[in-house]
Amino acid sequence: MNFLEHRIFELVAHEAAALGVRAYVIGGYVRDCFLQRPSKDIDIVVEGSGIDVATAVGKRLRTPVSVFKNFGTAMLRCDGRDIEFVGARRESYRAASRKPDVETGSLEDDQRRRDFTINALAFSLQKEDYGKLIDPFNGVRDMQQGLLRTPSDPDITYNDDPLRMIRAIRFATQLGFSIVPESIGAIMRNRNRIRIVSTERITGELNKIILSDKPSVGFYLFDKTGLLREILPSIHRLKGVETVEGRGHKDNFQHTLQVLDNVAQKQGNLWLRWAALFHDIAKPATKHYDPLTGWTFHGHEFIGAKMIPDIFKQMRLPMNDKMKYVQKLVQLHLRPIVLSQEEVTDSAVRRLLFDAGDDIDDLMLLCEADITSKNEQTVRRHLNNFLLVREKLAEVEARDAIRNFQPPITGELIMEKYGLQPSPAVGEIKEYIKNAILDGLIRNDYHEAYALMEQKAREMGLVS
């Protein structure tokens, strides 16, 4: 099979030869060729100046080249692909930093500094052996056996650049590979080194793990290696089962990961998956044992929602509508469950539609994913109940159009009508009208709402 069909490879080969240097395709593109995975990015390593080769290729393509002299790299785009060029190098690290001291090196030096053998593969772009695979560390064999192994001593690899520990877990999760025992041991020994890595880089890897087909694999590996306590202490606190008088609660860590996997099976978006990971985040803080009822976690949805902004800030996750979305789903995740266990009233459905708005479908998906019982009959019963809730939601929305509705009486109208300044009285009237609509006492209609405003104003003594 010819893995170098794209025109960029022959063009790079031609320009490298003209400059008298040797060029190779290396890393993820080569790996993904063997794994038959799509790969948009292409890395070119040059025994010489990668910037010079990139500049020459850019001229031939008549396309701009981005040059990063401090890093000795250059990048251009060709047919929708990002092509990065770098000179072959060897690296050495200082203890307090994951930024290496760099020297010019050979292809083998460059391959040896790579994180894993499967990422150290290279194709030659030289005329005499064009397309030849160069695999000094048996990366193809490791791929065939589904193994993640470092080209060098794993203790040195992870100590030098601790982010590689999380990358190992990310690749294991995405590819379904196993991390070799000596690497697992090295991660356990070097886990404290993760503290020198920026939060942004860690969170970037976490996002990729969460978006994988079965993200629980990564979180169990974080737990096994001791990294979970370092990077996600709030999730680590979910671990364990406490028993009193012979009665124990479920392991909320295992439950959470099952919910996350259930959402992933439904192809939930990144932020819905974060909501799944955090939906029970406050259970350790709200855990209580009652001799009559057993273990309870009353209010964990409200406490959990209050925790989300601080967690997002600490993890450098976006403090915008994405955070508010996760916060909303955490706070509301028990509401449909309550509806499924009781008689579903129109009023309760209207309030859920109003509070969830356009996120009602994602909320229902999260609630269905939250069913993790091993009893198939229990699961089937809950899912059937949720189906009834979904039908009621559709029925009420079609009739009342409650989702994202705005009450017809504004605060400005109330202030103008009764000569009020912004005050609690204005909010009280607005809330009274909103609740009347949600409870079905009046329709979402201007005239009915206006009449109710006048009645409430008289009760409050705003008019004689």
Protein backbone atom coordinates (compact mmCIF):
# COMPACT_ATOMS: atom_id res chain seq x y z
CA MET A 1 0.00 0.00 0.00
CA ASN A 2 1.32 3.44 -0.95
CA PHE A 3 0.97 5.75 2.05
CA LEU A 4 2.64 8.67 0.27
CA GLU A 5 0.16 9.34 -2.52
CA HIS A 6 -0.52 12.95 -1.56
CA ARG A 7 1.36 15.43 -3.76
CA ILE A 8 2.94 17.13 -0.75
CA PHE A 9 5.34 14.21 -0.19
CA GLU A 10 6.95 14.28 -3.64
CA LEU A 11 7.16 18.06 -3.43
CA VAL A 12 8.93 17.93 -0.05
CA ALA A 13 11.25 15.21 -1.35
CA HIS A 14 12.18 17.33 -4.39
CA GLU A 15 12.87 20.51 -2.41
CA ALA A 16 14.83 18.67 0.31
CA ALA A 17 17.03 17.04 -2.33
CA ALA A 18 17.59 20.41 -4.01
CA LEU A 19 18.79 21.81 -0.67
CA GLY A 20 21.01 18.80 -0.06
CA VAL A 21 19.21 17.63 3.11
CA ARG A 22 17.31 14.48 4.07
CA ALA A 23 13.61 14.61 4.93
CA TYR A 24 11.22 12.12 6.51
CA VAL A 25 7.54 11.85 7.37
CA ILE A 26 7.33 11.03 11.07
CA GLY A 27 4.96 10.53 13.97
CA GLY A 28 1.18 10.49 14.02
CA TYR A 29 0.61 10.40 10.26
CA VAL A 30 2.77 7.29 9.89
CA ARG A 31 1.13 5.63 12.89
CA ASP A 32 -2.36 6.34 11.59
CA CYS A 33 -1.49 4.91 8.17
CA PHE A 34 -0.92 1.53 9.82
CA LEU A 35 -3.94 1.88 12.10
CA GLN A 36 -6.09 2.98 9.14
CA ARG A 37 -7.22 6.08 11.00
CA PRO A 38 -7.80 9.45 9.32
CA SER A 39 -4.99 11.93 9.89
CA LYS A 40 -5.07 15.52 8.68
CA ASP A 41 -1.75 16.70 10.12
CA ILE A 42 1.60 15.71 8.64
CA ASP A 43 4.94 16.13 10.43
CA ILE A 44 8.15 16.39 8.40
CA VAL A 45 11.51 16.06 10.12
CA VAL A 46 14.62 17.24 8.28
CA GLU A 47 18.24 16.42 8.95
CA GLY A 48 19.06 20.08 8.49
CA SER A 49 16.81 23.15 8.49
CA GLY A 50 13.12 22.36 8.51
CA ILE A 51 12.40 26.07 8.03
CA ASP A 52 14.42 26.19 4.78
CA VAL A 53 12.56 23.18 3.35
CA ALA A 54 9.19 24.63 4.39
CA THR A 55 10.04 27.97 2.78
CA ALA A 56 11.02 26.27 -0.48
CA VAL A 57 7.85 24.15 -0.50
CA GLY A 58 5.74 27.22 0.26
CA LYS A 59 7.20 29.02 -2.76
CA ARG A 60 6.38 26.09 -5.02
CA LEU A 61 2.83 25.93 -3.67
CA ARG A 62 2.49 29.72 -3.61
CA THR A 63 1.12 29.46 -0.10
CA PRO A 64 2.14 31.37 3.05
CA VAL A 65 4.50 29.73 5.54
CA SER A 66 4.30 30.39 9.28
CA VAL A 67 7.81 30.37 10.78
CA PHE A 68 8.49 29.91 14.50
CA LYS A 69 12.23 30.59 14.79
CA ASN A 70 12.31 30.16 18.57
CA PHE A 71 11.17 26.58 18.11
CA GLY A 72 12.94 25.90 14.83
CA THR A 73 9.65 24.96 13.16
CA ALA A 74 7.55 26.11 10.22
CA MET A 75 4.02 25.30 9.09
CA LEU A 76 1.95 25.58 5.93
CA ARG A 77 -1.39 24.31 4.69
CA CYS A 78 -1.87 22.17 1.61
CA ASP A 79 -5.22 20.80 0.45
CA GLY A 80 -6.73 21.28 3.90
CA ARG A 81 -3.83 19.60 5.73
CA ASP A 82 -1.47 21.21 8.22
CA ILE A 83 2.13 20.36 7.31
CA GLU A 84 4.72 21.05 10.03
CA PHE A 85 8.46 21.06 9.39
CA VAL A 86 11.16 20.72 12.04
CA GLY A 87 14.86 19.99 12.07
CA ALA A 88 15.92 16.65 13.56
CA ARG A 89 17.07 17.23 17.12
CA ARG A 90 18.13 15.73 20.40
CA GLU A 91 16.84 17.10 23.68
CA SER A 92 17.88 17.38 27.32
CA TYR A 93 15.68 18.52 30.19
CA ARG A 94 16.05 20.40 33.46
CA ALA A 95 14.16 19.21 36.51
CA ALA A 96 11.85 22.24 36.94
CA SER A 97 10.70 22.53 33.33
CA ARG A 98 9.27 20.44 30.51
CA LYS A 99 10.89 22.79 27.97
CA PRO A 100 14.01 21.03 26.65
CA ASP A 101 17.44 22.28 25.69
CA VAL A 102 17.66 21.42 22.00
CA GLU A 103 20.63 20.45 19.82
CA THR A 104 20.81 19.51 16.16
CA GLY A 105 20.59 15.74 15.78
CA SER A 106 20.02 12.84 13.43
CA LEU A 107 16.77 11.12 12.49
CA GLU A 108 17.46 8.42 15.10
CA ASP A 109 18.04 11.10 17.75
CA ASP A 110 14.68 12.57 16.82
CA GLN A 111 12.94 9.21 16.93
CA ARG A 112 14.50 8.38 20.30
CA ARG A 113 13.12 11.59 21.87
CA ARG A 114 9.54 10.71 20.84
CA ASP A 115 7.01 9.73 23.49
CA PHE A 116 6.06 6.24 22.28
CA THR A 117 7.41 3.70 19.82
CA ILE A 118 4.20 3.92 17.77
CA ASN A 119 4.90 7.65 17.32
CA ALA A 120 8.56 7.14 16.40
CA LEU A 121 7.87 5.61 12.99
CA ALA A 122 9.15 7.40 9.88
CA PHE A 123 8.89 7.13 6.09
CA SER A 124 11.92 8.10 4.03
CA LEU A 125 11.47 10.79 1.37
CA GLN A 126 14.87 10.14 -0.25
CA LYS A 127 14.94 9.13 -3.91
CA GLU A 128 16.94 5.97 -3.25
CA ASP A 129 14.51 4.50 -0.69
CA TYR A 130 11.38 6.62 -1.07
CA GLY A 131 8.58 5.35 1.19
CA LYS A 132 10.80 2.99 3.20
CA LEU A 133 9.62 2.51 6.80
CA ILE A 134 12.23 3.34 9.42
CA ASP A 135 11.25 1.67 12.69
CA PRO A 136 14.25 1.35 15.04
CA PHE A 137 12.14 0.73 18.17
CA ASN A 138 9.69 -1.86 16.81
CA GLY A 139 6.72 0.48 16.81
CA VAL A 140 4.86 -1.61 14.21
CA ARG A 141 5.20 -4.69 16.39
CA ASP A 142 3.84 -2.74 19.35
CA MET A 143 0.89 -1.57 17.25
CA GLN A 144 0.16 -5.13 16.19
CA GLN A 145 0.20 -6.21 19.84
CA GLY A 146 -1.75 -3.15 21.02
CA LEU A 147 1.01 -1.93 23.32
CA LEU A 148 2.18 1.52 24.38
CA ARG A 149 5.90 1.60 25.12
CA THR A 150 8.47 4.42 25.30
CA PRO A 151 11.52 4.32 22.99
CA SER A 152 13.78 5.17 25.94
CA ASP A 153 13.75 4.40 29.66
CA PRO A 154 10.16 5.25 30.73
CA ASP A 155 11.33 6.89 33.96
CA ILE A 156 13.46 9.30 31.93
CA THR A 157 10.72 9.82 29.34
CA TYR A 158 8.04 10.73 31.91
CA ASN A 159 10.36 12.64 34.22
CA ASP A 160 11.60 14.77 31.31
CA ASP A 161 8.14 15.61 29.99
CA PRO A 162 5.41 14.63 32.49
CA LEU A 163 2.59 15.44 30.06
CA ARG A 164 3.59 12.20 28.33
CA MET A 165 2.06 10.31 31.26
CA ILE A 166 -1.36 11.70 30.41
CA ARG A 167 -0.73 11.23 26.69
CA ALA A 168 -0.01 7.55 27.39
CA ILE A 169 -3.39 7.23 29.05
CA ARG A 170 -5.07 9.21 26.29
CA PHE A 171 -3.65 6.95 23.54
CA ALA A 172 -4.54 3.84 25.55
CA THR A 173 -8.12 5.13 25.80
CA GLN A 174 -8.46 6.23 22.17
CA LEU A 175 -6.77 3.21 20.60
CA GLY A 176 -7.78 0.50 23.04
CA PHE A 177 -4.08 -0.25 23.69
CA SER A 178 -2.44 -1.44 26.92
CA ILE A 179 0.37 0.48 28.59
CA VAL A 180 3.26 -1.92 29.23
CA PRO A 181 3.86 -2.71 32.93
CA GLU A 182 7.23 -0.92 33.10
CA SER A 183 5.53 2.24 31.84
CA ILE A 184 2.69 1.93 34.36
CA GLY A 185 5.30 1.62 37.10
CA ALA A 186 7.20 4.66 35.80
CA ILE A 187 4.02 6.75 35.74
CA MET A 188 3.28 5.76 39.34
CA ARG A 189 6.81 6.73 40.38
CA ASN A 190 6.76 10.05 38.49
CA ARG A 191 3.14 11.10 39.03
CA ASN A 192 4.07 14.09 41.20
CA ARG A 193 5.98 15.54 38.24
CA ILE A 194 2.63 16.34 36.61
CA ARG A 195 2.54 19.43 38.84
CA ILE A 196 5.00 21.26 36.53
CA VAL A 197 2.66 20.87 33.54
CA SER A 198 0.30 23.74 32.75
CA THR A 199 -3.36 23.18 33.56
CA GLU A 200 -4.29 24.10 29.99
CA ARG A 201 -2.21 21.24 28.55
CA ILE A 202 -3.65 18.74 31.01
CA THR A 203 -7.22 19.82 30.31
CA GLY A 204 -6.57 19.60 26.55
CA GLU A 205 -5.66 15.93 26.97
CA LEU A 206 -8.63 15.34 29.29
CA ASN A 207 -10.97 16.68 26.61
CA LYS A 208 -9.63 14.11 24.14
CA ILE A 209 -10.07 11.30 26.67
CA ILE A 210 -13.62 12.40 27.45
CA LEU A 211 -14.44 12.48 23.73
CA SER A 212 -13.24 8.88 23.21
CA ASP A 213 -15.61 5.97 22.68
CA LYS A 214 -15.11 4.63 26.22
CA PRO A 215 -13.67 7.41 28.40
CA SER A 216 -13.85 5.34 31.60
CA VAL A 217 -10.72 3.48 30.44
CA GLY A 218 -8.70 6.65 30.90
CA PHE A 219 -10.11 7.48 34.32
CA TYR A 220 -9.49 3.99 35.66
CA LEU A 221 -5.88 4.32 34.43
CA PHE A 222 -5.63 7.72 36.16
CA ASP A 223 -6.78 6.01 39.34
CA LYS A 224 -4.43 3.04 38.94
CA THR A 225 -1.37 5.24 38.42
CA GLY A 226 -2.17 7.78 41.14
CA LEU A 227 -2.66 10.64 38.65
CA LEU A 228 -6.37 11.00 39.47
CA ARG A 229 -5.66 12.55 42.87
CA GLU A 230 -3.20 14.96 41.21
CA ILE A 231 -5.31 16.24 38.33
CA LEU A 232 -8.94 15.66 39.39
CA PRO A 233 -9.11 15.56 43.20
CA SER A 234 -12.87 16.21 43.16
CA ILE A 235 -13.38 13.02 41.12
CA HIS A 236 -10.93 11.10 43.31
CA ARG A 237 -13.09 11.93 46.36
CA LEU A 238 -15.98 9.98 44.79
CA LYS A 239 -14.06 6.73 45.30
CA GLY A 240 -14.90 4.15 47.89
CA VAL A 241 -17.85 2.67 49.75
CA GLU A 242 -18.61 3.42 53.37
CA THR A 243 -20.54 0.84 55.37
CA VAL A 244 -22.54 1.44 58.57
CA GLU A 245 -24.61 -1.23 60.30
CA GLY A 246 -23.98 -3.51 57.35
CA ARG A 247 -25.42 -1.01 54.87
CA GLY A 248 -23.21 0.53 52.22
CA HIS A 249 -23.83 2.96 49.38
CA LYS A 250 -22.71 2.38 45.80
CA ASP A 251 -19.22 3.41 44.69
CA ASN A 252 -19.93 6.83 43.21
CA PHE A 253 -16.67 6.82 41.23
CA GLN A 254 -17.61 3.64 39.38
CA HIS A 255 -21.18 4.88 38.93
CA THR A 256 -19.97 8.20 37.50
CA LEU A 257 -17.73 6.49 34.96
CA GLN A 258 -20.58 4.22 33.89
CA VAL A 259 -22.80 7.28 33.36
CA LEU A 260 -20.00 8.91 31.32
CA ASP A 261 -19.67 5.80 29.14
CA ASN A 262 -23.45 5.64 28.70
CA VAL A 263 -23.48 9.24 27.46
CA ALA A 264 -20.52 8.51 25.15
CA GLN A 265 -22.48 5.60 23.61
CA LYS A 266 -25.17 8.14 22.69
CA GLN A 267 -22.50 10.37 21.08
CA GLY A 268 -23.06 13.13 23.63
CA ASN A 269 -21.14 16.35 23.00
CA LEU A 270 -18.04 17.31 25.01
CA TRP A 271 -19.93 19.47 27.51
CA LEU A 272 -22.66 16.91 28.09
CA ARG A 273 -19.87 14.43 28.87
CA TRP A 274 -18.31 16.88 31.36
CA ALA A 275 -21.78 17.20 32.94
CA ALA A 276 -21.92 13.41 33.23
CA LEU A 277 -18.51 13.38 34.92
CA PHE A 278 -19.57 16.09 37.40
CA HIS A 279 -23.24 15.22 37.93
CA ASP A 280 -22.61 13.63 41.36
CA ILE A 281 -19.58 15.74 42.27
CA ALA A 282 -21.11 16.88 45.58
CA LYS A 283 -22.04 13.44 46.91
CA PRO A 284 -18.99 13.25 49.22
CA ALA A 285 -19.98 16.60 50.75
CA THR A 286 -23.64 15.65 51.22
CA LYS A 287 -23.28 12.01 52.30
CA HIS A 288 -25.31 11.16 55.42
CA TYR A 289 -26.37 7.94 57.08
CA ASP A 290 -29.86 7.65 58.53
CA PRO A 291 -30.65 4.47 60.51
CA LEU A 292 -34.16 4.39 59.03
CA THR A 293 -33.56 5.27 55.39
CA GLY A 294 -29.90 4.37 54.94
CA TRP A 295 -27.46 6.51 52.96
CA THR A 296 -28.66 9.83 51.55
CA PHE A 297 -27.09 12.60 49.47
CA HIS A 298 -29.78 15.25 49.88
CA GLY A 299 -29.17 18.43 47.91
CA HIS A 300 -26.11 17.10 46.07
CA GLU A 301 -27.46 18.46 42.80
CA PHE A 302 -27.64 22.03 44.16
CA ILE A 303 -24.29 21.89 45.97
CA GLY A 304 -22.74 20.32 42.87
CA ALA A 305 -24.03 23.11 40.66
CA LYS A 306 -22.42 25.67 43.00
CA MET A 307 -19.11 23.82 42.74
CA ILE A 308 -18.95 23.91 38.93
CA PRO A 309 -17.68 27.51 38.45
CA ASP A 310 -14.71 26.97 40.78
CA ILE A 311 -13.86 23.63 39.15
CA PHE A 312 -14.04 25.16 35.66
CA LYS A 313 -11.83 28.05 36.78
CA GLN A 314 -9.25 25.72 38.33
CA MET A 315 -9.17 23.55 35.20
CA ARG A 316 -9.02 26.51 32.81
CA LEU A 317 -12.25 25.36 31.19
CA PRO A 318 -14.30 28.14 29.55
CA MET A 319 -16.14 30.40 32.00
CA ASN A 320 -18.94 31.13 29.54
CA ASP A 321 -22.14 29.50 28.30
CA LYS A 322 -20.35 26.10 28.33
CA MET A 323 -19.85 26.34 32.08
CA LYS A 324 -23.45 27.51 32.59
CA TYR A 325 -24.68 24.58 30.49
CA VAL A 326 -22.81 22.05 32.65
CA GLN A 327 -23.95 23.82 35.81
CA LYS A 328 -27.57 23.71 34.65
CA LEU A 329 -27.48 19.98 33.84
CA VAL A 330 -25.84 19.15 37.18
CA GLN A 331 -28.52 21.11 39.04
CA LEU A 332 -31.43 19.65 37.09
CA HIS A 333 -30.30 16.03 36.69
CA LEU A 334 -32.68 14.68 39.36
CA ARG A 335 -35.77 16.54 38.17
CA PRO A 336 -36.81 14.12 35.38
CA ILE A 337 -36.06 11.19 37.71
CA VAL A 338 -38.56 12.58 40.25
CA LEU A 339 -41.12 13.06 37.47
CA SER A 340 -40.63 9.47 36.33
CA GLN A 341 -41.43 8.19 39.82
CA GLU A 342 -44.55 10.27 40.44
CA GLU A 343 -47.67 11.23 38.58
CA VAL A 344 -46.49 13.64 35.91
CA THR A 345 -48.49 16.86 36.24
CA ASP A 346 -48.63 19.51 33.54
CA SER A 347 -47.35 22.06 36.03
CA ALA A 348 -44.22 20.04 36.85
CA VAL A 349 -43.55 19.47 33.16
CA ARG A 350 -43.96 23.18 32.38
CA ARG A 351 -41.47 24.08 35.10
CA LEU A 352 -38.94 21.55 33.85
CA LEU A 353 -39.30 22.83 30.28
CA PHE A 354 -38.93 26.42 31.49
CA ASP A 355 -35.83 25.68 33.59
CA ALA A 356 -34.11 23.41 31.03
CA GLY A 357 -35.00 25.41 27.92
CA ASP A 358 -33.25 24.21 24.78
CA ASP A 359 -31.13 21.79 26.84
CA ILE A 360 -34.10 19.58 27.76
CA ASP A 361 -33.10 16.81 25.31
CA ASP A 362 -29.54 16.70 26.65
CA LEU A 363 -30.89 16.63 30.20
CA MET A 364 -33.11 13.66 29.38
CA LEU A 365 -30.16 11.86 27.78
CA LEU A 366 -28.09 12.44 30.94
CA CYS A 367 -30.90 11.16 33.15
CA GLU A 368 -31.30 8.01 31.07
CA ALA A 369 -27.53 7.49 31.22
CA ASP A 370 -27.75 7.82 35.02
CA ILE A 371 -29.52 4.45 35.21
CA THR A 372 -26.66 2.09 36.03
CA SER A 373 -28.46 -0.74 37.83
CA LYS A 374 -27.26 -4.25 37.00
CA ASN A 375 -30.89 -5.43 37.24
CA GLU A 376 -32.26 -5.43 33.68
CA GLN A 377 -35.87 -5.22 34.87
CA THR A 378 -35.06 -2.12 36.94
CA VAL A 379 -33.33 -0.49 33.97
CA ARG A 380 -36.24 -1.31 31.66
CA ARG A 381 -38.76 0.08 34.14
CA HIS A 382 -36.88 3.36 34.52
CA LEU A 383 -36.41 3.75 30.77
CA ASN A 384 -40.12 3.14 30.19
CA ASN A 385 -40.94 5.79 32.79
CA PHE A 386 -38.59 8.24 31.09
CA LEU A 387 -40.32 7.49 27.80
CA LEU A 388 -43.58 8.62 29.39
CA VAL A 389 -41.87 11.80 30.65
CA ARG A 390 -40.56 12.49 27.14
CA GLU A 391 -44.05 12.05 25.69
CA LYS A 392 -45.49 14.44 28.29
CA LEU A 393 -42.74 16.99 27.57
CA ALA A 394 -43.54 16.90 23.85
CA GLU A 395 -47.28 17.16 24.51
CA VAL A 396 -47.03 20.14 26.88
CA GLU A 397 -44.49 21.96 24.70
CA ALA A 398 -46.67 21.54 21.61
CA ARG A 399 -49.68 22.95 23.46
CA ASP A 400 -48.18 25.65 25.70
CA ALA A 401 -44.85 26.60 24.03
CA ILE A 402 -43.26 26.99 27.45
CA ARG A 403 -39.65 26.28 26.49
CA ASN A 404 -37.66 29.53 26.82
CA PHE A 405 -40.87 31.57 27.14
CA GLN A 406 -40.73 35.16 28.39
CA PRO A 407 -43.61 36.30 30.63
CA PRO A 408 -45.71 38.87 28.74
CA ILE A 409 -45.53 41.46 31.56
CA THR A 410 -42.14 43.14 31.84
CA GLY A 411 -40.59 44.87 34.83
CA GLU A 412 -40.59 48.13 32.89
CA LEU A 413 -44.35 47.93 32.37
CA ILE A 414 -44.93 47.24 36.09
CA MET A 415 -42.75 50.19 37.14
CA GLU A 416 -44.44 52.54 34.68
CA LYS A 417 -47.96 51.40 35.63
CA TYR A 418 -47.46 51.84 39.40
CA GLY A 419 -44.77 54.52 39.52
CA LEU A 420 -42.19 52.17 41.05
CA GLN A 421 -38.40 52.18 41.04
CA PRO A 422 -36.51 48.88 40.63
CA SER A 423 -37.45 47.05 43.84
CA PRO A 424 -38.44 43.67 45.33
CA ALA A 425 -42.08 44.53 44.68
CA VAL A 426 -41.48 44.52 40.90
CA GLY A 427 -39.81 41.11 41.09
CA GLU A 428 -42.60 39.74 43.26
CA ILE A 429 -45.26 40.66 40.69
CA LYS A 430 -43.21 39.21 37.80
CA GLU A 431 -42.60 35.97 39.69
CA TYR A 432 -46.30 35.71 40.59
CA ILE A 433 -47.31 36.00 36.93
CA LYS A 434 -44.63 33.52 35.80
CA ASN A 435 -45.73 30.95 38.38
CA ALA A 436 -49.39 31.38 37.41
CA ILE A 437 -48.50 30.59 33.79
CA LEU A 438 -46.34 27.60 34.74
CA ASP A 439 -49.05 26.27 37.05
CA GLY A 440 -51.64 26.58 34.29
CA LEU A 441 -53.76 29.13 36.20
CA ILE A 442 -53.62 31.50 33.22
CA ARG A 443 -52.40 31.15 29.65
CA ASN A 444 -49.21 32.77 28.43
CA ASP A 445 -51.35 35.65 27.20
CA TYR A 446 -50.82 39.41 27.61
CA HIS A 447 -54.40 40.27 28.58
CA GLU A 448 -54.72 37.47 31.15
CA ALA A 449 -51.32 38.34 32.60
CA TYR A 450 -52.22 42.06 32.74
CA ALA A 451 -55.41 41.30 34.66
CA LEU A 452 -53.45 39.14 37.11
CA MET A 453 -50.90 41.94 37.55
CA GLU A 454 -53.66 44.35 38.52
CA GLN A 455 -55.12 41.82 41.01
CA LYS A 456 -51.70 41.24 42.60
CA ALA A 457 -51.00 44.99 42.77
CA ARG A 458 -54.23 45.55 44.66
CA GLU A 459 -53.34 42.77 47.11
CA MET A 460 -49.97 44.43 47.69
CA GLY A 461 -51.61 47.82 48.31
CA LEU A 462 -50.03 49.45 45.26
CA VAL A 463 -53.43 50.76 44.16
CA SER A 464 -56.49 51.73 46.17
